[in-house]
Amino acid sequence: MKSKYVKCIKIVHDPAEVRIFRTLSAFFRFIGIFACENLDDDEYGDEVDWVYRVRRGSEDGNISLGEKIRDVFQEMEELIGEENAEVMNLIWGEFERYDLMRGSYAIDYFSNSGEEYIYEQMEKAIGDFEGALRGLEALEKKRERAAVGNVYLWAAKSNCRRRINELCIIIWNAIDMKIYGTKSKKETDIIRERLRQHHYFSLDEVDEDILNILAVDSEFYSAYAIRGFIKEINGEDIEGTIDDFETAIEIIGKKSYTSYLQFRIGRNYEKMWSDSGREMGYYTKAAEVDRHNFRAIYKIASKESNINKAINWWKSLRDVLDMKMELPSLQTVECAYLYKAYRELGKIYKQQGDFEMVIDSLQKAEKIYDNKANEDEEKGFYPWMFGKDTVKKGNTEKKSWEIYKEAARKKLEIEKVYEGIVDASARGNFVEIYKEYSAYLD
């Protein structure tokens, strides 16, 4: 039992408490372990190698989050063995030192934010991942090549390189799209020069560690997933990306935790071969094996031509996330998808001529947009994830988390919701509502 590699775990937590889950899941994925989320009183999914139940109230008290995470490794030791637990602790040291959980959070979501401060933080994250990579390389040199636990070390190195490449591409694209570094040519050139100083890793460099993992355990499916993510970044080998994801899925079998990979394959088909129609099969499979995969449900709902079926899919998406709306733990991406569900339901009700339901749905979308529960300085997700530092923007000062919140809200395009309410209230003769929301558009 002690020689067994843990490849997939389940983390069960209270919906109101997300810090330990967010940190643990980010770390385990960093070292090549799939991490599945379940909420208390709503457990589902297939058997995994280990289940960790976050005790309610674990986020309270004076014990640091880092100490609590180390306690988790100690709990795992009986399953994974002393040496694996030791390696995890050593890797965690680099992960915690460089705050890689925050460096890798919601990168894709904020990639087109156009917010200078966020891109500056992405540049900082590149440096953090490079620092962690150097630390992991130094750790590797001290270990025997055949030492137990090296698979986790190799996975962590691969994920550092993956994130560095991903962040470099995002920033280069932001510069090319003229949404970052646009104040002057000199400023843009300075940013470009900084990026040139960062090393962009070739697939061959990454593949060395992936092949090391597979030489030890040919069924370590996360190795294929990581390599697929890396191939996906610049879009030059999408067929190779799909092959790696498919290999991982084949090894795992018909399990709920193939859902995200099924979704990613569907997304690649949609991006590269949108006329093939094959993406829908993967989105459907992703939703079938994991009824909580709101990303897959969103894709199915948005492509469903039958109005009644589309309504049911949008309601399914709403139901997955609605319970979290008033919680301080509501995360950025969850908020965005819940908002979209209500907005799209409003559009369908407009097609049906049910203007009262249009207004009801769009006002619920507005409520999500105005949600401040996750802004609480003590318990809120935004201050915890994005920090409370004071940042100077022109002649004003803002907290760092406020900049991220504003960027997230901007992406939701609330004006379209207001326009929808004004249109529905005019058509349905809801005079007072029309007056109220017309004023928002002046």
Protein backbone atom coordinates (compact mmCIF):
# COMPACT_ATOMS: atom_id res chain seq x y z
CA MET A 1 0.00 0.00 0.00
CA LYS A 2 2.83 2.41 0.85
CA SER A 3 4.30 2.18 -2.66
CA LYS A 4 1.02 3.22 -4.26
CA TYR A 5 0.91 6.57 -6.05
CA VAL A 6 -2.15 8.63 -5.27
CA LYS A 7 -3.51 9.89 -8.59
CA CYS A 8 -6.94 11.27 -7.70
CA ILE A 9 -8.43 12.60 -4.48
CA LYS A 10 -11.78 14.01 -3.45
CA ILE A 11 -12.03 17.07 -1.20
CA VAL A 12 -15.34 17.51 0.61
CA HIS A 13 -16.01 20.90 2.18
CA ASP A 14 -18.69 23.25 3.45
CA PRO A 15 -19.96 25.52 0.63
CA ALA A 16 -19.17 28.56 2.77
CA GLU A 17 -15.56 27.49 3.28
CA VAL A 18 -13.43 27.37 0.17
CA ARG A 19 -9.93 28.45 1.24
CA ILE A 20 -8.58 25.05 2.23
CA PHE A 21 -10.23 23.41 -0.78
CA ARG A 22 -8.88 26.04 -3.17
CA THR A 23 -5.35 25.75 -1.79
CA LEU A 24 -5.32 21.97 -1.55
CA SER A 25 -6.81 21.44 -5.00
CA ALA A 26 -4.32 23.86 -6.58
CA PHE A 27 -1.40 22.13 -4.88
CA PHE A 28 -2.47 18.58 -5.66
CA ARG A 29 -3.07 19.46 -9.30
CA PHE A 30 0.36 21.11 -9.33
CA ILE A 31 2.00 17.80 -8.35
CA GLY A 32 -0.05 15.76 -10.82
CA ILE A 33 -2.94 14.56 -8.66
CA PHE A 34 -6.51 15.05 -9.89
CA ALA A 35 -8.57 16.87 -7.25
CA CYS A 36 -12.38 16.55 -7.28
CA GLU A 37 -14.64 18.92 -5.35
CA ASN A 38 -17.68 17.76 -3.41
CA LEU A 39 -19.82 19.86 -1.11
CA ASP A 40 -21.08 18.67 2.25
CA ASP A 41 -24.48 16.98 1.91
CA ASP A 42 -24.00 16.64 -1.85
CA GLU A 43 -21.41 13.94 -2.38
CA TYR A 44 -21.26 12.25 -5.75
CA GLY A 45 -18.81 10.81 -8.23
CA ASP A 46 -16.72 7.69 -8.47
CA GLU A 47 -14.27 6.09 -6.09
CA VAL A 48 -10.95 7.89 -5.78
CA ASP A 49 -7.64 7.02 -4.10
CA TRP A 50 -8.32 9.15 -1.04
CA VAL A 51 -11.07 11.37 0.39
CA TYR A 52 -10.26 14.37 2.55
CA ARG A 53 -13.11 15.93 4.51
CA VAL A 54 -12.46 19.51 5.54
CA ARG A 55 -13.83 19.88 9.05
CA ARG A 56 -16.38 22.67 9.39
CA GLY A 57 -14.79 25.69 11.01
CA SER A 58 -11.30 24.67 9.84
CA GLU A 59 -10.74 28.11 8.37
CA ASP A 60 -11.23 29.74 11.77
CA GLY A 61 -8.63 29.95 14.52
CA ASN A 62 -5.02 31.05 14.71
CA ILE A 63 -3.36 28.14 12.92
CA SER A 64 -1.98 29.26 9.55
CA LEU A 65 -3.34 27.80 6.34
CA GLY A 66 0.12 26.42 5.56
CA GLU A 67 0.21 24.49 8.83
CA LYS A 68 -3.23 23.07 8.11
CA ILE A 69 -2.10 21.90 4.68
CA ARG A 70 0.94 20.17 6.17
CA ASP A 71 -1.41 18.37 8.56
CA VAL A 72 -3.17 16.97 5.48
CA PHE A 73 0.08 15.40 4.24
CA GLN A 74 0.53 13.84 7.65
CA GLU A 75 -2.96 12.36 7.43
CA MET A 76 -2.08 10.95 4.01
CA GLU A 77 1.16 9.37 5.16
CA GLU A 78 -0.39 6.02 6.07
CA LEU A 79 -1.65 5.74 2.50
CA ILE A 80 1.26 7.17 0.52
CA GLY A 81 4.21 6.27 2.72
CA GLU A 82 6.72 8.39 4.60
CA GLU A 83 8.92 9.26 1.62
CA ASN A 84 6.03 10.42 -0.58
CA ALA A 85 4.73 12.54 2.30
CA GLU A 86 8.21 14.03 2.74
CA VAL A 87 8.44 14.90 -0.97
CA MET A 88 5.03 16.57 -0.86
CA ASN A 89 6.17 18.65 2.09
CA LEU A 90 9.30 19.72 0.23
CA ILE A 91 7.35 20.66 -2.91
CA TRP A 92 4.78 22.44 -0.78
CA GLY A 93 7.62 24.58 0.59
CA GLU A 94 8.28 25.98 -2.90
CA PHE A 95 4.57 26.20 -3.72
CA GLU A 96 3.87 28.19 -0.55
CA ARG A 97 7.02 30.33 -0.75
CA TYR A 98 6.11 31.64 -4.20
CA ASP A 99 2.34 31.68 -3.62
CA LEU A 100 1.72 29.60 -6.74
CA MET A 101 -1.92 29.02 -5.87
CA ARG A 102 -2.66 32.68 -6.54
CA GLY A 103 -0.25 32.78 -9.46
CA SER A 104 -2.30 30.15 -11.29
CA TYR A 105 -5.85 31.19 -10.32
CA ALA A 106 -8.28 32.31 -13.05
CA ILE A 107 -5.50 33.05 -15.55
CA ASP A 108 -7.72 32.27 -18.53
CA TYR A 109 -10.63 34.29 -17.14
CA PHE A 110 -8.60 37.50 -16.76
CA SER A 111 -6.49 37.02 -19.90
CA ASN A 112 -8.46 39.65 -21.85
CA SER A 113 -9.24 41.97 -18.93
CA GLY A 114 -7.32 44.91 -20.40
CA GLU A 115 -6.37 45.86 -16.82
CA GLU A 116 -2.72 46.92 -16.55
CA TYR A 117 -2.36 45.91 -12.90
CA ILE A 118 -3.58 42.36 -13.61
CA TYR A 119 -1.05 41.90 -16.41
CA GLU A 120 1.66 43.22 -14.10
CA GLN A 121 0.64 40.55 -11.58
CA MET A 122 0.84 37.94 -14.35
CA GLU A 123 4.40 39.08 -15.08
CA LYS A 124 5.17 38.72 -11.38
CA ALA A 125 3.68 35.23 -11.46
CA ILE A 126 6.09 34.27 -14.26
CA GLY A 127 8.97 35.19 -11.96
CA ASP A 128 7.39 33.24 -9.12
CA PHE A 129 7.03 30.09 -11.21
CA GLU A 130 10.62 30.48 -12.41
CA GLY A 131 11.78 30.79 -8.80
CA ALA A 132 9.83 27.69 -7.81
CA LEU A 133 11.22 25.79 -10.81
CA ARG A 134 14.78 26.59 -9.74
CA GLY A 135 13.95 25.36 -6.24
CA LEU A 136 12.46 22.13 -7.60
CA GLU A 137 15.49 21.57 -9.85
CA ALA A 138 17.80 22.01 -6.86
CA LEU A 139 15.68 19.56 -4.89
CA GLU A 140 15.85 17.04 -7.73
CA LYS A 141 19.67 17.17 -7.81
CA LYS A 142 19.78 16.07 -4.18
CA ARG A 143 17.67 12.99 -4.82
CA GLU A 144 18.39 9.61 -6.34
CA ARG A 145 16.77 9.24 -9.76
CA ALA A 146 14.84 6.17 -8.59
CA ALA A 147 13.70 7.77 -5.32
CA VAL A 148 10.06 7.25 -4.40
CA GLY A 149 8.01 10.40 -4.94
CA ASN A 150 9.97 11.80 -7.87
CA VAL A 151 6.86 11.51 -10.04
CA TYR A 152 5.30 14.33 -8.03
CA LEU A 153 8.46 16.41 -8.38
CA TRP A 154 8.56 15.88 -12.15
CA ALA A 155 4.88 16.78 -12.45
CA ALA A 156 5.46 19.97 -10.44
CA LYS A 157 8.36 20.99 -12.70
CA SER A 158 6.21 20.35 -15.78
CA ASN A 159 3.41 22.47 -14.36
CA CYS A 160 5.81 25.33 -13.60
CA ARG A 161 6.87 25.32 -17.24
CA ARG A 162 3.27 25.04 -18.36
CA ARG A 163 2.27 28.14 -16.37
CA ILE A 164 5.29 30.15 -17.52
CA ASN A 165 4.45 29.42 -21.15
CA GLU A 166 0.78 30.17 -20.62
CA LEU A 167 1.44 33.50 -18.92
CA CYS A 168 3.99 34.55 -21.53
CA ILE A 169 1.51 33.88 -24.34
CA ILE A 170 -1.28 35.79 -22.55
CA ILE A 171 0.90 38.86 -22.03
CA TRP A 172 2.29 38.79 -25.57
CA ASN A 173 -1.28 38.58 -26.91
CA ALA A 174 -2.39 41.46 -24.68
CA ILE A 175 0.44 43.58 -26.09
CA ASP A 176 -0.40 42.62 -29.68
CA MET A 177 -4.09 43.40 -29.06
CA LYS A 178 -3.01 46.77 -27.63
CA ILE A 179 -4.73 46.20 -24.30
CA TYR A 180 -1.47 46.20 -22.34
CA GLY A 181 1.60 48.42 -22.57
CA THR A 182 -0.16 50.97 -24.74
CA LYS A 183 0.94 54.20 -23.05
CA SER A 184 3.99 54.57 -25.27
CA LYS A 185 6.22 52.58 -27.60
CA LYS A 186 9.00 52.86 -25.06
CA GLU A 187 6.84 51.28 -22.35
CA THR A 188 5.75 48.50 -24.69
CA ASP A 189 9.36 47.77 -25.64
CA ILE A 190 10.32 47.58 -21.96
CA ILE A 191 7.59 44.99 -21.33
CA ARG A 192 8.60 42.99 -24.40
CA GLU A 193 12.22 43.00 -23.22
CA ARG A 194 11.16 41.74 -19.80
CA LEU A 195 9.31 38.89 -21.46
CA ARG A 196 12.32 38.03 -23.60
CA GLN A 197 14.29 37.54 -20.42
CA HIS A 198 11.85 34.81 -19.40
CA HIS A 199 12.53 31.39 -20.86
CA TYR A 200 9.76 29.92 -22.99
CA PHE A 201 10.00 26.15 -22.73
CA SER A 202 9.88 23.85 -25.73
CA LEU A 203 7.79 20.70 -25.65
CA ASP A 204 11.00 18.63 -25.68
CA GLU A 205 12.11 20.27 -22.43
CA VAL A 206 8.79 19.53 -20.78
CA ASP A 207 8.55 16.06 -22.28
CA GLU A 208 11.69 14.89 -20.50
CA ASP A 209 9.95 15.03 -17.12
CA ILE A 210 6.71 13.59 -18.54
CA LEU A 211 8.60 10.61 -19.94
CA ASN A 212 10.37 10.18 -16.59
CA ILE A 213 6.96 9.88 -14.90
CA LEU A 214 5.65 7.39 -17.47
CA ALA A 215 8.82 5.28 -17.19
CA VAL A 216 8.01 4.81 -13.50
CA ASP A 217 4.24 4.38 -13.95
CA SER A 218 2.88 4.15 -17.48
CA GLU A 219 -0.64 4.68 -16.16
CA PHE A 220 0.05 7.94 -14.33
CA TYR A 221 -2.68 9.61 -16.36
CA SER A 222 -2.01 13.11 -15.12
CA ALA A 223 1.27 13.10 -17.07
CA TYR A 224 -0.69 12.86 -20.31
CA ALA A 225 -3.09 15.57 -19.13
CA ILE A 226 -0.26 17.98 -18.26
CA ARG A 227 1.44 17.42 -21.61
CA GLY A 228 -1.89 17.97 -23.36
CA PHE A 229 -2.34 21.29 -21.54
CA ILE A 230 1.14 22.37 -22.66
CA LYS A 231 0.55 21.44 -26.30
CA GLU A 232 -2.74 23.35 -26.13
CA ILE A 233 -1.20 26.68 -25.11
CA ASN A 234 -0.03 27.96 -28.49
CA GLY A 235 -2.46 25.87 -30.54
CA GLU A 236 0.23 24.39 -32.80
CA ASP A 237 -0.46 20.75 -31.93
CA ILE A 238 -4.16 20.46 -31.12
CA GLU A 239 -4.33 16.93 -32.51
CA GLY A 240 -1.52 15.99 -30.11
CA THR A 241 -3.42 17.71 -27.29
CA ILE A 242 -6.52 15.65 -27.99
CA ASP A 243 -4.48 12.44 -28.26
CA ASP A 244 -2.95 13.02 -24.83
CA PHE A 245 -6.32 13.84 -23.26
CA GLU A 246 -7.88 10.78 -24.87
CA THR A 247 -5.06 8.58 -23.55
CA ALA A 248 -5.61 9.90 -20.02
CA ILE A 249 -9.36 9.25 -20.33
CA GLU A 250 -8.75 5.72 -21.61
CA ILE A 251 -6.53 4.93 -18.61
CA ILE A 252 -9.00 6.40 -16.12
CA GLY A 253 -12.01 4.67 -17.64
CA LYS A 254 -15.64 5.71 -17.27
CA LYS A 255 -15.14 7.85 -14.19
CA SER A 256 -16.57 11.22 -13.21
CA TYR A 257 -13.14 12.80 -13.07
CA THR A 258 -12.68 12.48 -16.82
CA SER A 259 -15.26 15.27 -17.13
CA TYR A 260 -12.87 18.20 -17.34
CA LEU A 261 -10.73 16.50 -19.98
CA GLN A 262 -13.85 15.67 -22.00
CA PHE A 263 -14.77 19.36 -21.80
CA ARG A 264 -11.30 20.47 -22.93
CA ILE A 265 -11.40 18.13 -25.93
CA GLY A 266 -14.79 19.55 -26.88
CA ARG A 267 -13.45 23.08 -26.57
CA ASN A 268 -10.52 22.27 -28.84
CA TYR A 269 -12.80 20.80 -31.49
CA GLU A 270 -14.98 23.88 -31.26
CA LYS A 271 -12.01 26.24 -31.67
CA MET A 272 -10.22 24.41 -34.46
CA TRP A 273 -12.92 22.45 -36.31
CA SER A 274 -16.17 24.23 -35.48
CA ASP A 275 -17.89 22.82 -38.55
CA SER A 276 -17.32 19.20 -37.48
CA GLY A 277 -19.96 19.22 -34.75
CA ARG A 278 -17.88 16.73 -32.75
CA GLU A 279 -17.56 19.08 -29.77
CA MET A 280 -21.13 18.40 -28.66
CA GLY A 281 -20.41 14.73 -28.05
CA TYR A 282 -17.60 15.64 -25.67
CA TYR A 283 -19.57 18.37 -23.88
CA THR A 284 -22.46 15.94 -23.42
CA LYS A 285 -20.15 13.22 -22.09
CA ALA A 286 -18.55 15.72 -19.70
CA ALA A 287 -21.97 16.65 -18.30
CA GLU A 288 -23.10 13.03 -18.12
CA VAL A 289 -20.17 11.85 -16.00
CA ASP A 290 -20.20 14.96 -13.80
CA ARG A 291 -23.52 16.74 -13.40
CA HIS A 292 -21.70 19.63 -11.69
CA ASN A 293 -19.50 20.52 -14.66
CA PHE A 294 -21.03 23.95 -15.24
CA ARG A 295 -18.63 24.74 -18.08
CA ALA A 296 -19.85 21.77 -20.10
CA ILE A 297 -23.49 22.49 -19.24
CA TYR A 298 -23.02 26.08 -20.44
CA LYS A 299 -21.69 24.87 -23.80
CA ILE A 300 -24.58 22.45 -24.28
CA ALA A 301 -27.18 25.04 -23.30
CA SER A 302 -25.74 27.71 -25.59
CA LYS A 303 -25.78 25.33 -28.58
CA GLU A 304 -29.19 23.73 -27.96
CA SER A 305 -31.67 24.73 -30.69
CA ASN A 306 -34.76 23.31 -28.97
CA ILE A 307 -36.06 26.07 -26.69
CA ASN A 308 -37.52 23.80 -24.01
CA LYS A 309 -34.36 21.70 -23.83
CA ALA A 310 -32.25 24.86 -23.70
CA ILE A 311 -34.33 26.17 -20.79
CA ASN A 312 -33.76 22.92 -18.91
CA TRP A 313 -30.01 23.09 -19.49
CA TRP A 314 -29.82 26.73 -18.37
CA LYS A 315 -31.82 25.80 -15.26
CA SER A 316 -29.40 22.94 -14.60
CA LEU A 317 -26.50 25.37 -14.76
CA ARG A 318 -28.34 27.74 -12.45
CA ASP A 319 -29.08 24.97 -9.97
CA VAL A 320 -25.43 23.89 -9.78
CA LEU A 321 -24.29 27.35 -8.71
CA ASP A 322 -27.31 29.16 -7.24
CA MET A 323 -26.76 27.87 -3.70
CA LYS A 324 -23.39 29.66 -3.58
CA MET A 325 -24.60 33.08 -4.65
CA GLU A 326 -24.93 34.66 -1.22
CA LEU A 327 -21.81 33.03 0.21
CA PRO A 328 -18.56 34.92 0.84
CA SER A 329 -16.81 31.96 -0.82
CA LEU A 330 -18.41 32.58 -4.25
CA GLN A 331 -15.59 32.39 -6.77
CA THR A 332 -15.00 34.55 -9.82
CA VAL A 333 -15.74 31.98 -12.51
CA GLU A 334 -18.75 30.55 -10.65
CA CYS A 335 -20.23 34.03 -10.42
CA ALA A 336 -19.76 34.61 -14.15
CA TYR A 337 -21.44 31.36 -15.19
CA LEU A 338 -24.38 31.87 -12.83
CA TYR A 339 -24.84 35.38 -14.24
CA LYS A 340 -24.80 33.98 -17.80
CA ALA A 341 -27.42 31.37 -16.93
CA TYR A 342 -29.93 33.99 -15.80
CA ARG A 343 -29.09 36.31 -18.70
CA GLU A 344 -29.57 33.56 -21.28
CA LEU A 345 -32.84 32.45 -19.68
CA GLY A 346 -33.99 36.04 -20.08
CA LYS A 347 -33.22 35.92 -23.80
CA ILE A 348 -35.24 32.74 -24.26
CA TYR A 349 -38.23 34.09 -22.34
CA LYS A 350 -38.10 37.12 -24.65
CA GLN A 351 -38.41 34.81 -27.67
CA GLN A 352 -41.46 33.26 -26.01
CA GLY A 353 -42.99 36.65 -25.31
CA ASP A 354 -43.01 36.10 -21.52
CA PHE A 355 -41.81 39.56 -20.54
CA GLU A 356 -42.49 39.13 -16.85
CA MET A 357 -40.10 36.15 -16.78
CA VAL A 358 -37.59 38.15 -18.85
CA ILE A 359 -37.54 40.83 -16.18
CA ASP A 360 -37.39 38.30 -13.36
CA SER A 361 -34.41 36.46 -14.87
CA LEU A 362 -32.49 39.59 -15.79
CA GLN A 363 -33.04 41.13 -12.37
CA LYS A 364 -31.56 37.98 -10.85
CA ALA A 365 -28.56 38.42 -13.16
CA GLU A 366 -28.34 42.01 -11.93
CA LYS A 367 -28.38 40.77 -8.34
CA ILE A 368 -25.39 38.55 -9.07
CA TYR A 369 -23.60 41.50 -10.67
CA ASP A 370 -24.24 43.59 -7.54
CA ASN A 371 -23.27 40.76 -5.16
CA LYS A 372 -20.93 42.00 -2.43
CA ALA A 373 -20.87 38.92 -0.22
CA ASN A 374 -17.50 37.80 -1.57
CA GLU A 375 -15.98 41.25 -0.91
CA ASP A 376 -15.94 40.90 2.89
CA GLU A 377 -12.45 41.81 4.12
CA GLU A 378 -12.41 38.97 6.65
CA LYS A 379 -14.25 36.10 4.92
CA GLY A 380 -14.68 37.19 1.31
CA PHE A 381 -13.08 35.30 -1.57
CA TYR A 382 -11.84 38.39 -3.42
CA PRO A 383 -9.77 39.97 -0.58
CA TRP A 384 -8.36 36.56 0.30
CA MET A 385 -7.44 35.54 -3.25
CA PHE A 386 -6.34 38.87 -4.70
CA GLY A 387 -5.01 40.67 -1.63
CA LYS A 388 -5.68 43.86 0.28
CA ASP A 389 -2.67 45.92 -0.82
CA THR A 390 -3.33 49.52 -1.73
CA VAL A 391 -2.67 50.17 -5.40
CA LYS A 392 -2.39 53.63 -6.92
CA LYS A 393 -4.33 54.09 -10.16
CA GLY A 394 -3.84 57.57 -11.53
CA ASN A 395 -5.04 59.94 -8.84
CA THR A 396 -7.02 57.29 -6.97
CA GLU A 397 -6.16 54.42 -4.68
CA LYS A 398 -7.79 51.00 -4.68
CA LYS A 399 -7.31 47.71 -2.92
CA SER A 400 -5.79 45.06 -5.17
CA TRP A 401 -8.87 42.84 -4.85
CA GLU A 402 -11.09 45.74 -5.95
CA ILE A 403 -9.20 45.94 -9.24
CA TYR A 404 -9.91 42.27 -9.93
CA LYS A 405 -13.54 42.63 -8.92
CA GLU A 406 -14.02 45.62 -11.24
CA ALA A 407 -12.38 43.71 -14.11
CA ALA A 408 -14.66 40.72 -13.50
CA ARG A 409 -17.76 42.91 -13.36
CA LYS A 410 -16.75 44.68 -16.57
CA LYS A 411 -16.65 41.35 -18.41
CA LEU A 412 -20.29 40.71 -17.46
CA GLU A 413 -21.52 43.67 -19.56
CA ILE A 414 -24.35 44.72 -17.25
CA GLU A 415 -25.55 47.32 -19.77
CA LYS A 416 -26.96 44.49 -21.92
CA VAL A 417 -29.00 43.29 -18.95
CA TYR A 418 -30.35 46.80 -18.38
CA GLU A 419 -31.23 47.07 -22.08
CA GLY A 420 -33.04 43.74 -21.89
CA ILE A 421 -35.08 44.85 -18.86
CA VAL A 422 -35.98 48.17 -20.50
CA ASP A 423 -37.08 46.40 -23.68
CA ALA A 424 -39.15 43.78 -21.78
CA SER A 425 -40.77 46.34 -19.49
CA ALA A 426 -41.75 48.48 -22.50
CA ARG A 427 -43.23 45.49 -24.32
CA GLY A 428 -44.97 44.19 -21.20
CA ASN A 429 -46.15 47.64 -20.09
CA PHE A 430 -44.32 47.56 -16.75
CA VAL A 431 -44.16 51.33 -16.47
CA GLU A 432 -42.30 51.75 -13.17
CA ILE A 433 -39.65 49.20 -14.07
CA TYR A 434 -39.21 50.91 -17.43
CA LYS A 435 -38.63 54.28 -15.76
CA GLU A 436 -36.16 52.84 -13.25
CA TYR A 437 -33.96 51.00 -15.74
CA SER A 438 -34.14 53.62 -18.48
CA ALA A 439 -32.42 55.94 -16.03
CA TYR A 440 -29.48 53.47 -15.80
CA LEU A 441 -28.89 53.79 -19.54
CA ASP A 442 -28.89 57.60 -19.66
